[in-house]
Amino acid sequence: MIKKLGILLTTSTESENTHTVIKLTEAALNEGVEVHIFLMCDGVYHLNHERFVELAKQGARIVVCAHNAIERKEDKKDFVLWGSQYDLACMVKECDRFLAFN
């Protein structure tokens, strides 16, 4: 059975959380763990971070809160799903472990 890790990221790209989430995701993916990342609040600015594009290419599933992205005038990107708080709730329920970086 494949393990699932859920990560909530609400801080902007200047936060040390960015580096932590990137390294944690890379390590989990290398171990065969399925990684789901939800971006909300200022975390939506990671839509413009090239390392998050790479994480998606490596297999991470990235969802952004559409409401927060629209508020911050961020455009849709091909590597993420445009989602809602419902998607976050499903992620929390379905993942074996869930980490929040606020």
N, C-alpha and C. Protein backbone atom coordinates (compact mmCIF):
# COMPACT_ATOMS: atom_id res chain seq x y z
N MET A 1 0.84 -1.18 0.00
CA MET A 1 0.00 0.00 0.00
C MET A 1 0.89 1.25 0.00
N ILE A 2 0.61 2.17 -0.89
CA ILE A 2 1.41 3.39 -1.00
C ILE A 2 0.98 4.37 0.09
N LYS A 3 1.98 4.90 0.78
CA LYS A 3 1.73 5.91 1.80
C LYS A 3 1.46 7.26 1.13
N LYS A 4 0.60 8.06 1.78
CA LYS A 4 0.26 9.39 1.27
C LYS A 4 0.60 10.44 2.31
N LEU A 5 1.31 11.47 1.85
CA LEU A 5 1.67 12.61 2.70
C LEU A 5 0.96 13.85 2.18
N GLY A 6 0.24 14.52 3.05
CA GLY A 6 -0.42 15.78 2.71
C GLY A 6 0.32 16.95 3.33
N ILE A 7 0.50 18.01 2.55
CA ILE A 7 1.20 19.20 3.04
C ILE A 7 0.36 20.43 2.72
N LEU A 8 0.11 21.24 3.74
CA LEU A 8 -0.55 22.53 3.58
C LEU A 8 0.53 23.61 3.69
N LEU A 9 0.59 24.51 2.71
CA LEU A 9 1.56 25.59 2.73
C LEU A 9 0.81 26.92 2.57
N THR A 10 0.90 27.76 3.61
CA THR A 10 0.15 29.03 3.60
C THR A 10 1.06 30.27 3.57
N THR A 11 2.37 30.06 3.64
CA THR A 11 3.30 31.19 3.68
C THR A 11 3.88 31.47 2.31
N SER A 12 4.38 32.69 2.12
CA SER A 12 4.92 33.11 0.82
C SER A 12 6.29 32.48 0.56
N THR A 13 6.79 32.74 -0.62
CA THR A 13 8.05 32.13 -1.07
C THR A 13 9.26 32.60 -0.29
N GLU A 14 9.15 33.72 0.43
CA GLU A 14 10.28 34.22 1.22
C GLU A 14 10.45 33.44 2.53
N SER A 15 9.46 32.69 2.92
CA SER A 15 9.49 31.95 4.18
C SER A 15 10.44 30.75 4.09
N GLU A 16 11.04 30.41 5.23
CA GLU A 16 11.87 29.21 5.29
C GLU A 16 11.04 27.96 5.04
N ASN A 17 9.72 28.06 5.17
CA ASN A 17 8.85 26.91 4.90
C ASN A 17 8.97 26.42 3.46
N THR A 18 9.28 27.32 2.54
CA THR A 18 9.42 26.94 1.13
C THR A 18 10.50 25.89 0.98
N HIS A 19 11.68 26.15 1.50
CA HIS A 19 12.79 25.21 1.41
C HIS A 19 12.43 23.89 2.11
N THR A 20 11.83 23.98 3.28
CA THR A 20 11.46 22.79 4.04
C THR A 20 10.48 21.92 3.26
N VAL A 21 9.46 22.52 2.68
CA VAL A 21 8.46 21.76 1.93
C VAL A 21 9.09 21.13 0.68
N ILE A 22 9.94 21.86 0.00
CA ILE A 22 10.61 21.32 -1.20
C ILE A 22 11.43 20.09 -0.83
N LYS A 23 12.28 20.22 0.19
CA LYS A 23 13.17 19.11 0.57
C LYS A 23 12.38 17.92 1.11
N LEU A 24 11.35 18.19 1.89
CA LEU A 24 10.50 17.13 2.43
C LEU A 24 9.78 16.39 1.31
N THR A 25 9.26 17.13 0.35
CA THR A 25 8.56 16.53 -0.79
C THR A 25 9.51 15.68 -1.62
N GLU A 26 10.69 16.21 -1.91
CA GLU A 26 11.67 15.45 -2.70
C GLU A 26 12.04 14.15 -2.00
N ALA A 27 12.28 14.22 -0.70
CA ALA A 27 12.65 13.02 0.06
C ALA A 27 11.52 12.00 0.07
N ALA A 28 10.29 12.46 0.26
CA ALA A 28 9.14 11.56 0.28
C ALA A 28 8.94 10.90 -1.08
N LEU A 29 9.02 11.69 -2.14
CA LEU A 29 8.87 11.13 -3.49
C LEU A 29 9.94 10.09 -3.78
N ASN A 30 11.17 10.35 -3.34
CA ASN A 30 12.26 9.40 -3.54
C ASN A 30 12.05 8.09 -2.79
N GLU A 31 11.25 8.14 -1.73
CA GLU A 31 10.93 6.93 -0.95
C GLU A 31 9.65 6.25 -1.45
N GLY A 32 9.08 6.76 -2.51
CA GLY A 32 7.87 6.16 -3.07
C GLY A 32 6.58 6.61 -2.40
N VAL A 33 6.65 7.68 -1.62
CA VAL A 33 5.46 8.21 -0.95
C VAL A 33 4.72 9.12 -1.93
N GLU A 34 3.40 9.03 -1.94
CA GLU A 34 2.57 9.90 -2.76
C GLU A 34 2.41 11.22 -1.99
N VAL A 35 2.74 12.34 -2.63
CA VAL A 35 2.71 13.63 -1.95
C VAL A 35 1.64 14.53 -2.56
N HIS A 36 0.81 15.11 -1.67
CA HIS A 36 -0.24 16.05 -2.06
C HIS A 36 0.04 17.37 -1.36
N ILE A 37 0.15 18.45 -2.12
CA ILE A 37 0.43 19.77 -1.56
C ILE A 37 -0.77 20.67 -1.84
N PHE A 38 -1.24 21.38 -0.80
CA PHE A 38 -2.32 22.34 -0.96
C PHE A 38 -1.76 23.72 -0.63
N LEU A 39 -1.89 24.65 -1.58
CA LEU A 39 -1.41 26.02 -1.42
C LEU A 39 -2.60 26.93 -1.18
N MET A 40 -2.53 27.71 -0.08
CA MET A 40 -3.57 28.69 0.18
C MET A 40 -2.97 29.91 0.86
N CYS A 41 -3.77 30.94 1.05
CA CYS A 41 -3.30 32.22 1.58
C CYS A 41 -2.10 32.67 0.75
N ASP A 42 -1.02 33.14 1.38
CA ASP A 42 0.15 33.58 0.60
C ASP A 42 0.91 32.41 -0.03
N GLY A 43 0.56 31.20 0.32
CA GLY A 43 1.17 30.03 -0.31
C GLY A 43 0.89 29.95 -1.81
N VAL A 44 -0.16 30.65 -2.27
CA VAL A 44 -0.47 30.62 -3.70
C VAL A 44 0.64 31.23 -4.54
N TYR A 45 1.50 32.05 -3.93
CA TYR A 45 2.61 32.64 -4.69
C TYR A 45 3.63 31.60 -5.15
N HIS A 46 3.54 30.39 -4.61
CA HIS A 46 4.42 29.31 -5.07
C HIS A 46 4.06 28.85 -6.48
N LEU A 47 2.95 29.32 -7.00
CA LEU A 47 2.60 29.03 -8.40
C LEU A 47 3.69 29.55 -9.34
N ASN A 48 4.44 30.55 -8.89
CA ASN A 48 5.49 31.17 -9.71
C ASN A 48 6.88 30.67 -9.35
N HIS A 49 6.97 29.66 -8.52
CA HIS A 49 8.26 29.13 -8.06
C HIS A 49 8.64 27.92 -8.92
N GLU A 50 9.78 28.02 -9.60
CA GLU A 50 10.18 26.96 -10.54
C GLU A 50 10.37 25.61 -9.87
N ARG A 51 10.73 25.59 -8.59
CA ARG A 51 10.93 24.30 -7.90
C ARG A 51 9.60 23.56 -7.71
N PHE A 52 8.50 24.30 -7.61
CA PHE A 52 7.21 23.64 -7.48
C PHE A 52 6.76 23.04 -8.81
N VAL A 53 7.16 23.65 -9.91
CA VAL A 53 6.92 23.06 -11.22
C VAL A 53 7.65 21.72 -11.29
N GLU A 54 8.90 21.70 -10.82
CA GLU A 54 9.69 20.48 -10.82
C GLU A 54 9.09 19.40 -9.92
N LEU A 55 8.59 19.80 -8.74
CA LEU A 55 7.96 18.83 -7.84
C LEU A 55 6.76 18.18 -8.51
N ALA A 56 5.99 18.97 -9.24
CA ALA A 56 4.84 18.42 -9.97
C ALA A 56 5.31 17.45 -11.04
N LYS A 57 6.39 17.78 -11.74
CA LYS A 57 6.93 16.87 -12.77
C LYS A 57 7.43 15.57 -12.16
N GLN A 58 7.90 15.65 -10.90
CA GLN A 58 8.39 14.45 -10.22
C GLN A 58 7.25 13.61 -9.65
N GLY A 59 6.03 14.13 -9.68
CA GLY A 59 4.89 13.34 -9.25
C GLY A 59 4.07 13.90 -8.11
N ALA A 60 4.46 15.03 -7.55
CA ALA A 60 3.66 15.64 -6.48
C ALA A 60 2.37 16.18 -7.08
N ARG A 61 1.27 15.98 -6.36
CA ARG A 61 -0.03 16.53 -6.78
C ARG A 61 -0.21 17.85 -6.05
N ILE A 62 -0.30 18.94 -6.81
CA ILE A 62 -0.39 20.26 -6.20
C ILE A 62 -1.75 20.87 -6.52
N VAL A 63 -2.43 21.32 -5.46
CA VAL A 63 -3.73 21.97 -5.59
C VAL A 63 -3.61 23.36 -4.98
N VAL A 64 -4.20 24.34 -5.63
CA VAL A 64 -4.19 25.71 -5.11
C VAL A 64 -5.61 26.12 -4.80
N CYS A 65 -5.78 26.87 -3.72
CA CYS A 65 -7.09 27.42 -3.37
C CYS A 65 -7.42 28.50 -4.41
N ALA A 66 -8.40 28.23 -5.25
CA ALA A 66 -8.76 29.16 -6.32
C ALA A 66 -9.17 30.52 -5.76
N HIS A 67 -9.91 30.52 -4.67
CA HIS A 67 -10.36 31.78 -4.07
C HIS A 67 -9.17 32.66 -3.69
N ASN A 68 -8.18 32.06 -3.00
CA ASN A 68 -7.00 32.83 -2.59
C ASN A 68 -6.17 33.26 -3.79
N ALA A 69 -6.07 32.42 -4.81
CA ALA A 69 -5.30 32.77 -6.00
C ALA A 69 -5.96 33.94 -6.75
N ILE A 70 -7.27 33.91 -6.84
CA ILE A 70 -7.99 35.01 -7.52
C ILE A 70 -7.82 36.30 -6.72
N GLU A 71 -7.93 36.22 -5.39
CA GLU A 71 -7.74 37.40 -4.55
C GLU A 71 -6.38 38.05 -4.78
N ARG A 72 -5.36 37.20 -5.01
CA ARG A 72 -3.99 37.69 -5.18
C ARG A 72 -3.61 37.86 -6.65
N LYS A 73 -4.60 37.77 -7.51
CA LYS A 73 -4.44 37.99 -8.95
C LYS A 73 -3.42 37.04 -9.59
N GLU A 74 -3.41 35.79 -9.13
CA GLU A 74 -2.55 34.76 -9.71
C GLU A 74 -3.30 34.02 -10.81
N ASP A 75 -2.62 33.76 -11.92
CA ASP A 75 -3.22 33.05 -13.04
C ASP A 75 -3.11 31.55 -12.85
N LYS A 76 -4.01 30.82 -13.54
CA LYS A 76 -3.95 29.36 -13.53
C LYS A 76 -2.65 28.90 -14.17
N LYS A 77 -2.12 27.81 -13.64
CA LYS A 77 -0.91 27.20 -14.19
C LYS A 77 -1.23 25.76 -14.55
N ASP A 78 -0.52 25.23 -15.53
CA ASP A 78 -0.77 23.87 -16.00
C ASP A 78 -0.43 22.80 -14.97
N PHE A 79 0.50 23.07 -14.07
CA PHE A 79 1.00 22.02 -13.18
C PHE A 79 0.20 21.88 -11.88
N VAL A 80 -0.83 22.71 -11.70
CA VAL A 80 -1.63 22.63 -10.48
C VAL A 80 -3.11 22.49 -10.80
N LEU A 81 -3.83 21.95 -9.83
CA LEU A 81 -5.29 21.89 -9.93
C LEU A 81 -5.87 23.10 -9.23
N TRP A 82 -6.87 23.70 -9.81
CA TRP A 82 -7.57 24.85 -9.25
C TRP A 82 -8.63 24.27 -8.33
N GLY A 83 -8.47 24.44 -7.00
CA GLY A 83 -9.34 23.75 -6.07
C GLY A 83 -10.00 24.65 -5.04
N SER A 84 -10.48 23.99 -3.98
CA SER A 84 -11.24 24.68 -2.93
C SER A 84 -10.93 24.05 -1.58
N GLN A 85 -11.59 24.57 -0.55
CA GLN A 85 -11.43 24.01 0.79
C GLN A 85 -11.94 22.57 0.84
N TYR A 86 -12.85 22.22 -0.03
CA TYR A 86 -13.31 20.84 -0.11
C TYR A 86 -12.15 19.92 -0.48
N ASP A 87 -11.32 20.36 -1.43
CA ASP A 87 -10.15 19.56 -1.82
C ASP A 87 -9.19 19.39 -0.65
N LEU A 88 -9.03 20.45 0.15
CA LEU A 88 -8.17 20.36 1.33
C LEU A 88 -8.74 19.35 2.32
N ALA A 89 -10.04 19.41 2.55
CA ALA A 89 -10.67 18.47 3.48
C ALA A 89 -10.50 17.03 3.01
N CYS A 90 -10.65 16.79 1.72
CA CYS A 90 -10.45 15.44 1.17
C CYS A 90 -9.00 14.99 1.35
N MET A 91 -8.06 15.91 1.15
CA MET A 91 -6.65 15.59 1.32
C MET A 91 -6.37 15.17 2.76
N VAL A 92 -6.88 15.93 3.71
CA VAL A 92 -6.65 15.61 5.12
C VAL A 92 -7.20 14.22 5.44
N LYS A 93 -8.37 13.92 4.91
CA LYS A 93 -9.02 12.63 5.17
C LYS A 93 -8.26 11.46 4.54
N GLU A 94 -7.75 11.66 3.32
CA GLU A 94 -7.16 10.57 2.56
C GLU A 94 -5.69 10.30 2.85
N CYS A 95 -4.98 11.27 3.39
CA CYS A 95 -3.54 11.11 3.61
C CYS A 95 -3.25 10.41 4.93
N ASP A 96 -2.18 9.63 4.93
CA ASP A 96 -1.73 8.94 6.15
C ASP A 96 -1.16 9.93 7.16
N ARG A 97 -0.47 10.94 6.66
CA ARG A 97 0.11 11.99 7.51
C ARG A 97 -0.18 13.32 6.86
N PHE A 98 -0.38 14.34 7.68
CA PHE A 98 -0.68 15.67 7.17
C PHE A 98 0.13 16.69 7.96
N LEU A 99 0.85 17.54 7.25
CA LEU A 99 1.68 18.57 7.86
C LEU A 99 1.23 19.94 7.39
N ALA A 100 1.15 20.89 8.31
CA ALA A 100 0.77 22.25 7.96
C ALA A 100 1.94 23.19 8.21
N PHE A 101 2.28 23.98 7.21
CA PHE A 101 3.33 24.99 7.31
C PHE A 101 2.67 26.35 7.19
N ASN A 102 2.52 27.02 8.35
CA ASN A 102 1.82 28.31 8.42
C ASN A 102 2.78 29.41 8.81
